[in-house]
Amino acid sequence: MPVPYTEQAHRPPPGFHIRDAELADVGSITNIWYAAFNPTHAFFSYATPDDPATRKWFDDLWTMGIEAGPSVVRTFVVEDSSQGNKVVALSRWHVPQSDGNQDIPMPPVPAHWDPDITESLWGGMAKSRARIMGHKPHWMAEFIAIDQAYQSRGLALALADWGFRQAVATGLEIYGDASMKGLPIWKHYGCEERGTIHIPGRPGCFETYSVVSIVWSPDKKTNRDAVKL
């Protein structure tokens, strides 16, 4: 059962609109994943290659989250009003459960994915969250992704700020797993490092990669306006 919460309104920058994702958006959301993450490090192209099976996996992932409903997962998209409401960013949050349940619906992974890398990434994040948060109810910032062409325009801040304010309103912490590119920005906003997920490299493909587990506390004094994400 979810912890009761009062919906906080998003505060997007001018020219953009944030709304709940719909099933018709899943293809656009998958495009955002690739536009946001794969250009940043060869690890992502190896772990989540841009091929039909992986795209279907992402489409199924977003679909399952949307169908689970707002008592389990909140998925939001950002539209560029000047470009015919083009979807340019997304966020996905796991809603706090009163018993601390951390189960998030996920489809079976594609058979051609590297099993060791898959376990290190997806399994590693789940284990890190369980170790750090235990059975405490909390918000989880599962994904915040911005199309490369729209980064540094305040969109990630608008998406993250929604979670910050939900956490304050409910008095609960936020857990997340930060990419190496995003970590300095999350730390600027008061998130604390709680652990590192080490992913082994693959010679000729990518060097080792790390994902950092972070926690934000609602009593933390932060400046959420000084830097645009």
Protein backbone atom coordinates (compact mmCIF):
# COMPACT_ATOMS: atom_id res chain seq x y z
CA MET A 1 0.00 0.00 0.00
CA PRO A 2 1.42 3.42 -0.92
CA VAL A 3 2.16 6.11 1.63
CA PRO A 4 -0.57 8.76 1.18
CA TYR A 5 0.73 11.88 -0.52
CA THR A 6 -0.67 15.10 -1.91
CA GLU A 7 0.27 15.75 -5.51
CA GLN A 8 2.78 18.57 -5.96
CA ALA A 9 2.58 20.52 -9.21
CA HIS A 10 5.58 20.54 -11.54
CA ARG A 11 7.20 23.91 -12.23
CA PRO A 12 8.68 23.65 -15.74
CA PRO A 13 10.63 26.46 -17.40
CA PRO A 14 8.76 28.64 -19.92
CA GLY A 15 7.94 26.91 -23.19
CA PHE A 16 7.70 23.43 -21.68
CA HIS A 17 4.88 21.34 -20.24
CA ILE A 18 5.16 18.36 -17.86
CA ARG A 19 2.43 15.74 -17.69
CA ASP A 20 1.84 12.12 -16.75
CA ALA A 21 3.07 9.72 -19.40
CA GLU A 22 0.53 7.76 -21.43
CA LEU A 23 0.85 4.45 -23.26
CA ALA A 24 1.08 6.35 -26.54
CA ASP A 25 4.32 7.92 -25.27
CA VAL A 26 6.36 4.75 -24.74
CA GLY A 27 8.18 4.91 -28.08
CA SER A 28 9.14 8.53 -27.48
CA ILE A 29 10.31 7.71 -23.95
CA THR A 30 12.56 4.97 -25.29
CA ASN A 31 14.00 7.47 -27.78
CA ILE A 32 14.78 9.77 -24.86
CA TRP A 33 16.71 7.00 -23.09
CA TYR A 34 18.97 6.56 -26.09
CA ALA A 35 19.33 10.29 -26.70
CA ALA A 36 20.17 10.96 -23.05
CA PHE A 37 22.46 8.11 -22.02
CA ASN A 38 24.06 6.28 -24.95
CA PRO A 39 26.11 9.29 -26.17
CA THR A 40 27.65 9.80 -22.71
CA HIS A 41 29.67 6.59 -22.35
CA ALA A 42 30.37 3.44 -24.37
CA PHE A 43 29.06 1.43 -21.42
CA PHE A 44 25.47 2.35 -22.26
CA SER A 45 25.80 1.32 -25.91
CA TYR A 46 27.07 -2.05 -24.69
CA ALA A 47 24.61 -2.58 -21.84
CA THR A 48 21.53 -1.19 -23.64
CA PRO A 49 22.30 -1.45 -27.37
CA ASP A 50 20.06 0.32 -29.84
CA ASP A 51 18.47 -2.74 -31.42
CA PRO A 52 14.87 -3.96 -31.82
CA ALA A 53 14.94 -6.39 -28.87
CA THR A 54 16.31 -3.78 -26.46
CA ARG A 55 13.91 -1.13 -27.71
CA LYS A 56 11.03 -3.54 -27.11
CA TRP A 57 12.35 -4.18 -23.60
CA PHE A 58 12.32 -0.46 -22.84
CA ASP A 59 8.87 -0.06 -24.39
CA ASP A 60 7.63 -2.90 -22.17
CA LEU A 61 9.34 -1.37 -19.11
CA TRP A 62 7.59 1.99 -19.55
CA THR A 63 4.30 0.26 -20.36
CA MET A 64 4.42 -1.84 -17.19
CA GLY A 65 5.14 1.24 -15.09
CA ILE A 66 2.29 3.24 -16.57
CA GLU A 67 -0.11 0.32 -16.22
CA ALA A 68 0.95 -0.24 -12.60
CA GLY A 69 -0.60 3.13 -11.87
CA PRO A 70 0.25 6.11 -9.67
CA SER A 71 0.14 4.10 -6.45
CA VAL A 72 3.29 2.29 -7.60
CA VAL A 73 5.11 4.23 -10.32
CA ARG A 74 4.88 7.82 -11.55
CA THR A 75 6.17 8.43 -15.06
CA PHE A 76 6.32 11.99 -16.37
CA VAL A 77 7.27 13.43 -19.75
CA VAL A 78 8.33 16.94 -20.72
CA GLU A 79 6.94 18.43 -23.92
CA ASP A 80 8.49 21.26 -25.94
CA SER A 81 5.53 23.51 -26.70
CA SER A 82 7.41 25.22 -29.54
CA GLN A 83 7.97 21.92 -31.35
CA GLY A 84 4.47 20.54 -31.52
CA ASN A 85 4.64 19.13 -27.98
CA LYS A 86 7.62 16.94 -28.81
CA VAL A 87 8.60 14.71 -25.87
CA VAL A 88 12.12 15.72 -24.84
CA ALA A 89 12.61 14.44 -21.28
CA LEU A 90 11.27 11.96 -18.76
CA SER A 91 11.30 11.07 -15.11
CA ARG A 92 10.15 7.92 -13.35
CA TRP A 93 9.59 7.61 -9.62
CA HIS A 94 8.80 4.65 -7.41
CA VAL A 95 6.15 5.81 -4.96
CA PRO A 96 6.91 5.07 -1.27
CA GLN A 97 5.15 1.99 0.07
CA SER A 98 4.07 1.85 3.71
CA ASP A 99 5.81 -1.50 4.23
CA GLY A 100 8.97 -0.42 2.40
CA ASN A 101 8.25 -2.72 -0.55
CA GLN A 102 10.77 -2.05 -3.32
CA ASP A 103 9.31 -4.22 -6.08
CA ILE A 104 9.16 -2.46 -9.44
CA PRO A 105 7.56 -4.25 -12.41
CA MET A 106 10.20 -5.11 -15.02
CA PRO A 107 10.06 -7.34 -18.11
CA PRO A 108 12.48 -10.24 -18.70
CA VAL A 109 15.74 -8.96 -20.16
CA PRO A 110 16.65 -9.74 -23.79
CA ALA A 111 18.48 -13.02 -24.26
CA HIS A 112 21.41 -11.42 -26.07
CA TRP A 113 22.34 -9.05 -23.24
CA ASP A 114 25.62 -9.76 -21.44
CA PRO A 115 24.38 -11.55 -18.27
CA ASP A 116 27.25 -10.40 -16.05
CA ILE A 117 26.84 -6.75 -17.06
CA THR A 118 23.07 -7.00 -16.70
CA GLU A 119 23.36 -8.40 -13.19
CA SER A 120 26.03 -5.85 -12.23
CA LEU A 121 23.85 -2.94 -13.37
CA TRP A 122 20.20 -3.83 -12.78
CA GLY A 123 20.82 -6.39 -10.06
CA GLY A 124 23.45 -4.20 -8.45
CA MET A 125 21.10 -1.23 -8.22
CA ALA A 126 18.33 -3.31 -6.66
CA LYS A 127 20.70 -4.82 -4.09
CA SER A 128 22.20 -1.45 -3.24
CA ARG A 129 18.77 0.06 -2.67
CA ALA A 130 17.74 -2.83 -0.43
CA ARG A 131 20.96 -2.58 1.58
CA ILE A 132 20.81 1.18 2.07
CA MET A 133 17.08 1.78 2.55
CA GLY A 134 16.00 -1.49 4.15
CA HIS A 135 12.26 -1.46 4.83
CA LYS A 136 11.97 2.30 5.28
CA PRO A 137 9.33 3.93 3.09
CA HIS A 138 11.03 6.31 0.64
CA TRP A 139 10.78 7.87 -2.78
CA MET A 140 12.98 6.45 -5.52
CA ALA A 141 14.24 8.63 -8.35
CA GLU A 142 14.52 5.73 -10.77
CA PHE A 143 15.19 7.63 -14.00
CA ILE A 144 15.61 11.25 -15.02
CA ALA A 145 16.65 11.54 -18.66
CA ILE A 146 16.93 14.58 -20.90
CA ASP A 147 17.53 14.60 -24.65
CA GLN A 148 21.10 15.86 -25.21
CA ALA A 149 19.74 18.76 -27.29
CA TYR A 150 17.69 19.96 -24.30
CA GLN A 151 20.17 19.60 -21.46
CA SER A 152 21.18 22.58 -19.27
CA ARG A 153 17.79 24.21 -19.85
CA GLY A 154 16.30 23.51 -16.44
CA LEU A 155 14.28 20.42 -17.36
CA ALA A 156 16.03 17.96 -15.05
CA LEU A 157 15.72 20.47 -12.21
CA ALA A 158 11.98 20.77 -12.82
CA LEU A 159 11.62 16.98 -12.76
CA ALA A 160 13.85 16.49 -9.72
CA ASP A 161 12.25 19.40 -7.86
CA TRP A 162 8.92 17.58 -7.97
CA GLY A 163 10.53 14.73 -6.05
CA PHE A 164 12.28 17.06 -3.61
CA ARG A 165 8.96 18.69 -2.73
CA GLN A 166 7.15 15.35 -2.46
CA ALA A 167 9.87 14.17 -0.08
CA VAL A 168 9.53 17.29 2.06
CA ALA A 169 5.73 17.00 2.13
CA THR A 170 5.84 13.36 3.24
CA GLY A 171 8.96 13.65 5.43
CA LEU A 172 10.60 10.79 3.53
CA GLU A 173 14.01 10.34 1.93
CA ILE A 174 14.76 9.97 -1.77
CA TYR A 175 16.96 7.14 -3.02
CA GLY A 176 18.56 7.13 -6.46
CA ASP A 177 21.38 5.71 -8.54
CA ALA A 178 23.39 8.43 -10.28
CA SER A 179 25.38 8.12 -13.47
CA MET A 180 28.91 9.48 -13.36
CA LYS A 181 27.84 12.44 -15.49
CA GLY A 182 24.90 13.28 -13.26
CA LEU A 183 26.54 12.70 -9.87
CA PRO A 184 28.13 16.17 -9.42
CA ILE A 185 24.79 17.84 -10.04
CA TRP A 186 22.91 15.59 -7.62
CA LYS A 187 25.57 16.27 -4.98
CA HIS A 188 25.19 20.00 -5.56
CA TYR A 189 21.56 19.65 -4.55
CA GLY A 190 22.44 17.93 -1.29
CA CYS A 191 22.36 14.24 -2.20
CA GLU A 192 24.83 12.14 -0.23
CA GLU A 193 26.84 9.24 -1.62
CA ARG A 194 25.96 5.99 0.11
CA GLY A 195 27.67 3.39 -2.07
CA THR A 196 29.17 2.60 -5.45
CA ILE A 197 28.08 -0.06 -7.91
CA HIS A 198 31.12 -1.21 -9.87
CA ILE A 199 30.53 -2.62 -13.33
CA PRO A 200 33.37 -4.58 -14.96
CA GLY A 201 34.73 -3.42 -18.30
CA ARG A 202 34.71 -5.27 -21.58
CA PRO A 203 38.01 -4.94 -23.50
CA GLY A 204 37.49 -3.24 -26.82
CA CYS A 205 34.04 -2.02 -25.80
CA PHE A 206 34.31 0.08 -22.64
CA GLU A 207 36.39 0.55 -19.54
CA THR A 208 34.95 -0.10 -16.11
CA TYR A 209 31.93 1.99 -15.19
CA SER A 210 30.38 2.99 -11.88
CA VAL A 211 26.94 4.02 -10.68
CA VAL A 212 26.69 5.82 -7.35
CA SER A 213 23.87 5.24 -4.87
CA ILE A 214 22.63 8.53 -3.42
CA VAL A 215 20.17 9.60 -0.73
CA TRP A 216 18.49 12.97 -0.25
CA SER A 217 16.96 13.82 3.12
CA PRO A 218 14.02 16.23 3.41
CA ASP A 219 15.71 18.10 6.26
CA LYS A 220 18.78 18.77 4.11
CA LYS A 221 19.37 22.45 3.35
CA THR A 222 19.91 22.72 -0.39
CA ASN A 223 19.90 25.36 -3.07
CA ARG A 224 17.77 24.03 -5.86
CA ASP A 225 17.91 27.14 -8.02
CA ALA A 226 21.61 27.96 -8.41
CA VAL A 227 22.39 25.51 -11.20
CA LYS A 228 20.28 24.34 -14.10
CA LEU A 229 20.25 20.61 -14.71
